[in-house]
PDB file of N, CA and C in Angstrom:
ATOM      1  N   MET A   1     191.309  93.590  32.940  1.00  0.00           N
ATOM      2  CA  MET A   1     191.462  92.508  33.801  1.00  0.00           C
ATOM      3  C   MET A   1     190.030  92.907  34.830  1.00  0.00           C
ATOM      4  N   ARG A   2     189.237  92.018  35.489  1.00  0.00           N
ATOM      5  CA  ARG A   2     188.088  92.083  36.608  1.00  0.00           C
ATOM      6  C   ARG A   2     188.617  91.244  37.243  1.00  0.00           C
ATOM      7  N   ILE A   3     188.241  91.532  38.821  1.00  0.00           N
ATOM      8  CA  ILE A   3     188.470  91.023  39.800  1.00  0.00           C
ATOM      9  C   ILE A   3     186.735  90.492  40.993  1.00  0.00           C
ATOM     10  N   HIS A   4     186.807  89.796  40.709  1.00  0.00           N
ATOM     11  CA  HIS A   4     185.360  89.327  41.827  1.00  0.00           C
ATOM     12  C   HIS A   4     185.953  88.229  42.647  1.00  0.00           C
ATOM     13  N   GLU A   5     185.190  88.357  44.111  1.00  0.00           N
ATOM     14  CA  GLU A   5     185.253  87.155  44.888  1.00  0.00           C
ATOM     15  C   GLU A   5     184.433  86.390  44.573  1.00  0.00           C
ATOM     16  N   THR A   6     185.010  84.953  45.119  1.00  0.00           N
ATOM     17  CA  THR A   6     184.575  83.584  44.768  1.00  0.00           C
ATOM     18  C   THR A   6     183.409  83.562  46.236  1.00  0.00           C
ATOM     19  N   ARG A   7     182.361  82.864  45.755  1.00  0.00           N
ATOM     20  CA  ARG A   7     181.170  82.789  46.716  1.00  0.00           C
ATOM     21  C   ARG A   7     182.186  82.172  48.079  1.00  0.00           C
ATOM     22  N   ARG A   8     182.947  81.063  47.811  1.00  0.00           N
ATOM     23  CA  ARG A   8     183.742  80.454  48.825  1.00  0.00           C
ATOM     24  C   ARG A   8     184.386  81.686  49.822  1.00  0.00           C
ATOM     25  N   ARG A   9     184.955  82.697  49.377  1.00  0.00           N
ATOM     26  CA  ARG A   9     185.633  83.687  49.883  1.00  0.00           C
ATOM     27  C   ARG A   9     184.684  84.667  50.388  1.00  0.00           C
ATOM     28  N   SER A  10     183.414  85.146  50.047  1.00  0.00           N
ATOM     29  CA  SER A  10     182.418  85.682  50.744  1.00  0.00           C
ATOM     30  C   SER A  10     181.995  84.983  51.918  1.00  0.00           C
ATOM     31  N   LEU A  11     181.765  83.615  51.496  1.00  0.00           N
ATOM     32  CA  LEU A  11     181.245  82.663  52.957  1.00  0.00           C
ATOM     33  C   LEU A  11     181.732  82.659  53.975  1.00  0.00           C
ATOM     34  N   LEU A  12     183.303  82.546  53.793  1.00  0.00           N
ATOM     35  CA  LEU A  12     184.474  82.427  54.466  1.00  0.00           C
ATOM     36  C   LEU A  12     184.422  83.919  55.820  1.00  0.00           C
ATOM     37  N   LYS A  13     184.543  84.978  55.124  1.00  0.00           N
ATOM     38  CA  LYS A  13     184.504  86.132  55.378  1.00  0.00           C
ATOM     39  C   LYS A  13     183.203  86.569  56.463  1.00  0.00           C
ATOM     40  N   ALA A  14     181.903  86.090  55.844  1.00  0.00           N
ATOM     41  CA  ALA A  14     180.703  85.933  56.446  1.00  0.00           C
ATOM     42  C   ALA A  14     180.915  85.141  57.690  1.00  0.00           C
ATOM     43  N   VAL A  15     181.451  83.947  57.809  1.00  0.00           N
ATOM     44  CA  VAL A  15     181.308  83.089  58.681  1.00  0.00           C
ATOM     45  C   VAL A  15     182.231  83.440  59.888  1.00  0.00           C
ATOM     46  N   SER A  16     183.205  83.761  59.336  1.00  0.00           N
ATOM     47  CA  SER A  16     184.321  84.310  60.488  1.00  0.00           C
ATOM     48  C   SER A  16     183.712  85.462  61.545  1.00  0.00           C
ATOM     49  N   PHE A  17     183.256  86.482  60.262  1.00  0.00           N
ATOM     50  CA  PHE A  17     182.591  87.685  61.164  1.00  0.00           C
ATOM     51  C   PHE A  17     181.621  87.435  62.138  1.00  0.00           C
ATOM     52  N   ARG A  18     180.902  86.383  61.733  1.00  0.00           N
ATOM     53  CA  ARG A  18     179.652  85.995  62.444  1.00  0.00           C
ATOM     54  C   ARG A  18     180.260  85.002  63.773  1.00  0.00           C
ATOM     55  N   VAL A  19     181.206  84.583  63.842  1.00  0.00           N
ATOM     56  CA  VAL A  19     182.077  84.183  64.914  1.00  0.00           C
ATOM     57  C   VAL A  19     182.390  84.817  66.130  1.00  0.00           C
ATOM     58  N   ILE A  20     183.110  85.699  65.627  1.00  0.00           N
ATOM     59  CA  ILE A  20     183.547  86.811  66.187  1.00  0.00           C
ATOM     60  C   ILE A  20     182.240  87.538  66.920  1.00  0.00           C
ATOM     61  N   GLU A  21     181.112  88.048  66.403  1.00  0.00           N
ATOM     62  CA  GLU A  21     179.930  88.725  66.797  1.00  0.00           C
ATOM     63  C   GLU A  21     179.203  87.793  67.593  1.00  0.00           C
ATOM     64  N   ILE A  22     179.377  86.527  67.209  1.00  0.00           N
ATOM     65  CA  ILE A  22     178.198  85.674  68.399  1.00  0.00           C
ATOM     66  C   ILE A  22     179.024  85.686  69.666  1.00  0.00           C
ATOM     67  N   THR A  23     180.292  85.640  69.882  1.00  0.00           N
ATOM     68  CA  THR A  23     181.002  85.490  71.205  1.00  0.00           C
ATOM     69  C   THR A  23     180.852  87.074  71.822  1.00  0.00           C
ATOM     70  N   VAL A  24     181.105  88.045  71.193  1.00  0.00           N
ATOM     71  CA  VAL A  24     180.704  89.220  71.644  1.00  0.00           C
ATOM     72  C   VAL A  24     179.345  89.397  72.023  1.00  0.00           C
ATOM     73  N   ASP A  25     178.502  89.370  71.265  1.00  0.00           N
ATOM     74  CA  ASP A  25     177.280  89.507  71.760  1.00  0.00           C
ATOM     75  C   ASP A  25     176.789  88.966  73.162  1.00  0.00           C
ATOM     76  N   THR A  26     177.137  87.442  73.057  1.00  0.00           N
ATOM     77  CA  THR A  26     177.071  86.487  74.067  1.00  0.00           C
ATOM     78  C   THR A  26     177.918  86.771  75.454  1.00  0.00           C
ATOM     79  N   LEU A  27     178.900  87.561  75.183  1.00  0.00           N
ATOM     80  CA  LEU A  27     179.698  87.994  76.273  1.00  0.00           C
ATOM     81  C   LEU A  27     178.677  89.335  76.487  1.00  0.00           C
ATOM     82  N   ILE A  28     178.084  90.126  75.856  1.00  0.00           N
ATOM     83  CA  ILE A  28     177.464  91.463  76.504  1.00  0.00           C
ATOM     84  C   ILE A  28     176.333  90.996  77.071  1.00  0.00           C
ATOM     85  N   LEU A  29     175.386  90.009  76.286  1.00  0.00           N
ATOM     86  CA  LEU A  29     174.068  89.763  76.627  1.00  0.00           C
ATOM     87  C   LEU A  29     174.090  88.914  77.838  1.00  0.00           C
ATOM     88  N   ASN A  30     175.324  88.205  78.234  1.00  0.00           N
ATOM     89  CA  ASN A  30     175.343  87.521  79.645  1.00  0.00           C
ATOM     90  C   ASN A  30     175.498  88.474  80.665  1.00  0.00           C
ATOM     91  N   ILE A  31     175.684  89.657  80.362  1.00  0.00           N
ATOM     92  CA  ILE A  31     175.453  90.591  81.737  1.00  0.00           C
ATOM     93  C   ILE A  31     173.889  90.989  82.020  1.00  0.00           C
ATOM     94  N   PHE A  32     172.782  90.625  81.303  1.00  0.00           N
ATOM     95  CA  PHE A  32     171.665  91.040  81.243  1.00  0.00           C
ATOM     96  C   PHE A  32     170.356  89.647  81.704  1.00  0.00           C
ATOM     97  N   VAL A  33     170.964  88.674  81.164  1.00  0.00           N
ATOM     98  CA  VAL A  33     170.351  87.099  81.098  1.00  0.00           C
ATOM     99  C   VAL A  33     171.201  86.357  81.054  1.00  0.00           C
ATOM    100  N   PRO A  34     170.894  84.898  81.523  1.00  0.00           N
ATOM    101  CA  PRO A  34     171.648  83.704  81.607  1.00  0.00           C
ATOM    102  C   PRO A  34     172.223  83.373  80.811  1.00  0.00           C
ATOM    103  N   THR A  35     173.162  82.738  80.798  1.00  0.00           N
ATOM    104  CA  THR A  35     174.367  82.427  79.658  1.00  0.00           C
ATOM    105  C   THR A  35     173.551  81.560  78.469  1.00  0.00           C
ATOM    106  N   THR A  36     172.702  80.481  78.680  1.00  0.00           N
ATOM    107  CA  THR A  36     172.070  79.837  77.680  1.00  0.00           C
ATOM    108  C   THR A  36     171.128  80.823  76.728  1.00  0.00           C
ATOM    109  N   THR A  37     170.533  81.236  77.424  1.00  0.00           N
ATOM    110  CA  THR A  37     169.588  82.332  76.753  1.00  0.00           C
ATOM    111  C   THR A  37     170.283  82.969  75.692  1.00  0.00           C
ATOM    112  N   ALA A  38     171.273  83.980  76.684  1.00  0.00           N
ATOM    113  CA  ALA A  38     172.314  85.015  76.125  1.00  0.00           C
ATOM    114  C   ALA A  38     172.909  84.350  74.547  1.00  0.00           C
ATOM    115  N   LEU A  39     173.233  82.876  74.736  1.00  0.00           N
ATOM    116  CA  LEU A  39     173.744  82.475  73.351  1.00  0.00           C
ATOM    117  C   LEU A  39     172.641  81.782  72.624  1.00  0.00           C
ATOM    118  N   ALA A  40     171.750  81.739  73.020  1.00  0.00           N
ATOM    119  CA  ALA A  40     170.512  81.263  72.296  1.00  0.00           C
ATOM    120  C   ALA A  40     170.118  82.689  71.038  1.00  0.00           C
ATOM    121  N   LEU A  41     169.656  83.761  71.719  1.00  0.00           N
ATOM    122  CA  LEU A  41     169.635  84.881  71.350  1.00  0.00           C
ATOM    123  C   LEU A  41     170.830  85.238  70.218  1.00  0.00           C
ATOM    124  N   ALA A  42     171.866  85.059  70.992  1.00  0.00           N
ATOM    125  CA  ALA A  42     173.015  85.655  69.735  1.00  0.00           C
ATOM    126  C   ALA A  42     173.219  84.615  68.540  1.00  0.00           C
ATOM    127  N   ILE A  43     172.799  83.581  68.631  1.00  0.00           N
ATOM    128  CA  ILE A  43     172.938  82.626  67.751  1.00  0.00           C
ATOM    129  C   ILE A  43     171.781  83.073  66.507  1.00  0.00           C
ATOM    130  N   THR A  44     170.684  83.484  67.339  1.00  0.00           N
ATOM    131  CA  THR A  44     169.595  83.603  66.698  1.00  0.00           C
ATOM    132  C   THR A  44     169.766  84.987  65.333  1.00  0.00           C
ATOM    133  N   PHE A  45     170.141  86.063  66.545  1.00  0.00           N
ATOM    134  CA  PHE A  45     170.536  87.154  65.882  1.00  0.00           C
ATOM    135  C   PHE A  45     171.509  86.985  64.732  1.00  0.00           C
ATOM    136  N   GLU A  46     172.590  86.534  65.199  1.00  0.00           N
ATOM    137  CA  GLU A  46     173.820  86.402  64.011  1.00  0.00           C
ATOM    138  C   GLU A  46     173.315  85.426  63.162  1.00  0.00           C
ATOM    139  N   GLY A  47     172.770  84.237  63.129  1.00  0.00           N
ATOM    140  CA  GLY A  47     172.125  83.785  61.758  1.00  0.00           C
ATOM    141  C   GLY A  47     171.451  84.557  60.680  1.00  0.00           C
ATOM    142  N   ILE A  48     170.336  85.417  61.606  1.00  0.00           N
ATOM    143  CA  ILE A  48     169.689  86.376  60.620  1.00  0.00           C
ATOM    144  C   ILE A  48     170.886  86.990  59.978  1.00  0.00           C
ATOM    145  N   CYS A  49     171.405  87.762  60.510  1.00  0.00           N
ATOM    146  CA  CYS A  49     172.673  88.705  59.988  1.00  0.00           C
ATOM    147  C   CYS A  49     173.659  88.023  58.920  1.00  0.00           C
ATOM    148  N   PHE A  50     173.597  86.922  59.338  1.00  0.00           N
ATOM    149  CA  PHE A  50     174.950  86.347  58.446  1.00  0.00           C
ATOM    150  C   PHE A  50     174.320  85.972  57.071  1.00  0.00           C
ATOM    151  N   VAL A  51     172.890  85.627  57.116  1.00  0.00           N
ATOM    152  CA  VAL A  51     172.588  85.388  55.639  1.00  0.00           C
ATOM    153  C   VAL A  51     172.353  86.781  54.917  1.00  0.00           C
ATOM    154  N   LEU A  52     171.990  87.981  55.605  1.00  0.00           N
ATOM    155  CA  LEU A  52     171.804  89.263  55.150  1.00  0.00           C
ATOM    156  C   LEU A  52     173.338  89.885  54.945  1.00  0.00           C
ATOM    157  N   HIS A  53     174.359  89.517  55.492  1.00  0.00           N
ATOM    158  CA  HIS A  53     175.850  90.061  55.235  1.00  0.00           C
ATOM    159  C   HIS A  53     176.207  89.080  53.838  1.00  0.00           C
ATOM    160  N   PHE A  54     176.174  88.176  53.792  1.00  0.00           N
ATOM    161  CA  PHE A  54     176.192  87.125  52.722  1.00  0.00           C
ATOM    162  C   PHE A  54     175.808  87.710  51.374  1.00  0.00           C
ATOM    163  N   ILE A  55     174.398  88.016  51.571  1.00  0.00           N
ATOM    164  CA  ILE A  55     173.864  88.673  50.460  1.00  0.00           C
ATOM    165  C   ILE A  55     174.392  89.841  50.017  1.00  0.00           C
ATOM    166  N   PHE A  56     174.548  90.855  51.001  1.00  0.00           N
ATOM    167  CA  PHE A  56     175.250  91.774  51.000  1.00  0.00           C
ATOM    168  C   PHE A  56     176.278  92.177  50.011  1.00  0.00           C
ATOM    169  N   GLU A  57     177.614  91.063  50.656  1.00  0.00           N
ATOM    170  CA  GLU A  57     178.915  91.217  49.902  1.00  0.00           C
ATOM    171  C   GLU A  57     178.726  90.651  48.644  1.00  0.00           C
ATOM    172  N   ARG A  58     177.741  89.812  47.987  1.00  0.00           N
ATOM    173  CA  ARG A  58     177.751  88.978  46.689  1.00  0.00           C
ATOM    174  C   ARG A  58     177.410  90.250  46.139  1.00  0.00           C
ATOM    175  N   ILE A  59     176.255  91.133  46.603  1.00  0.00           N
ATOM    176  CA  ILE A  59     175.667  92.459  45.961  1.00  0.00           C
ATOM    177  C   ILE A  59     176.868  93.266  45.360  1.00  0.00           C
ATOM    178  N   TRP A  60     177.487  93.542  46.710  1.00  0.00           N
ATOM    179  CA  TRP A  60     178.696  94.238  46.233  1.00  0.00           C
ATOM    180  C   TRP A  60     179.705  93.922  45.335  1.00  0.00           C
ATOM    181  N   ASN A  61     179.586  92.755  45.589  1.00  0.00           N
ATOM    182  CA  ASN A  61     180.965  91.799  44.550  1.00  0.00           C
ATOM    183  C   ASN A  61     180.497  92.328  43.167  1.00  0.00           C
ATOM    184  N   LYS A  62     179.342  92.700  42.675  1.00  0.00           N
ATOM    185  CA  LYS A  62     178.958  92.709  41.464  1.00  0.00           C
ATOM    186  C   LYS A  62     179.319  94.574  41.089  1.00  0.00           C
ATOM    187  N   ILE A  63     179.305  95.224  42.005  1.00  0.00           N
ATOM    188  CA  ILE A  63     179.825  96.574  41.633  1.00  0.00           C
ATOM    189  C   ILE A  63     181.332  96.973  41.603  1.00  0.00           C
ATOM    190  N   ASP A  64     181.673  97.516  40.587  1.00  0.00           N
ATOM    191  CA  ASP A  64     182.810  97.950  40.848  1.00  0.00           C
ATOM    192  C   ASP A  64     183.460  99.364  41.049  1.00  0.00           C
ATOM    193  N   TYR A  65     182.456 100.009  41.792  1.00  0.00           N
ATOM    194  CA  TYR A  65     182.757 101.299  42.313  1.00  0.00           C
ATOM    195  C   TYR A  65     183.553 101.236  43.266  1.00  0.00           C
ATOM    196  N   GLY A  66     184.807 102.140  43.126  1.00  0.00           N
ATOM    197  CA  GLY A  66     185.940 102.163  44.158  1.00  0.00           C
ATOM    198  C   GLY A  66     186.981 101.050  44.365  1.00  0.00           C
ATOM    199  N   ARG A  67     186.992  99.998  43.010  1.00  0.00           N
ATOM    200  CA  ARG A  67     188.083  99.316  42.939  1.00  0.00           C
ATOM    201  C   ARG A  67     188.976  99.942  41.834  1.00  0.00           C
ATOM    202  N   CYS A  68     189.953  99.570  42.085  1.00  0.00           N
ATOM    203  CA  CYS A  68     191.169  99.854  41.433  1.00  0.00           C
ATOM    204  C   CYS A  68     191.942  98.606  40.961  1.00  0.00           C
ATOM    205  N   VAL A  69     191.994  98.551  39.609  1.00  0.00           N
ATOM    206  CA  VAL A  69     192.710  96.921  39.110  1.00  0.00           C
ATOM    207  C   VAL A  69     194.009  97.337  38.339  1.00  0.00           C
ATOM    208  N   PHE A  70     195.081  96.992  38.499  1.00  0.00           N
ATOM    209  CA  PHE A  70     196.231  97.219  37.522  1.00  0.00           C
ATOM    210  C   PHE A  70     196.813  95.655  36.831  1.00  0.00           C
ATOM    211  N   ASN A  71     196.940  95.857  35.972  1.00  0.00           N
ATOM    212  CA  ASN A  71     197.582  94.900  35.460  1.00  0.00           C
ATOM    213  C   ASN A  71     199.058  95.274  35.327  1.00  0.00           C
ATOM    214  N   GLU A  72     199.985  93.869  35.471  1.00  0.00           N
ATOM    215  CA  GLU A  72     201.456  93.942  35.448  1.00  0.00           C
ATOM    216  C   GLU A  72     202.261  94.868  34.763  1.00  0.00           C
ATOM    217  N   GLN A  73     201.486  94.780  33.480  1.00  0.00           N
ATOM    218  CA  GLN A  73     202.547  96.140  32.351  1.00  0.00           C
ATOM    219  C   GLN A  73     202.248  96.918  32.518  1.00  0.00           C
ATOM    220  N   GLU A  74     200.856  97.489  33.316  1.00  0.00           N
ATOM    221  CA  GLU A  74     200.678  99.129  33.851  1.00  0.00           C
ATOM    222  C   GLU A  74     201.303  99.619  34.672  1.00  0.00           C
ATOM    223  N   LYS A  75     202.317  99.270  35.272  1.00  0.00           N
ATOM    224  CA  LYS A  75     203.135  99.561  36.401  1.00  0.00           C
ATOM    225  C   LYS A  75     203.837 100.787  35.696  1.00  0.00           C
ATOM    226  N   THR A  76     203.792 101.799  36.321  1.00  0.00           N
ATOM    227  CA  THR A  76     204.919 103.045  35.898  1.00  0.00           C
ATOM    228  C   THR A  76     205.223 103.884  36.989  1.00  0.00           C
TER     229      THR A  76
END
């Protein structure tokens, strides 16, 4: 049996993680710059990171290293 994540799952993981990071980045940047600038910077940086993260997830999905998959019949 071979298990791979769907593109939809990878996309959902990447988007949800980026939403969390945009929130945290905005809060941290807001200490140093105005709120609108902080939000713009956070969205720009996280947009770039989003694309890289999605590609990274898709590449790792093709690598089986560290995965253990067991069939129901193999349980002992």
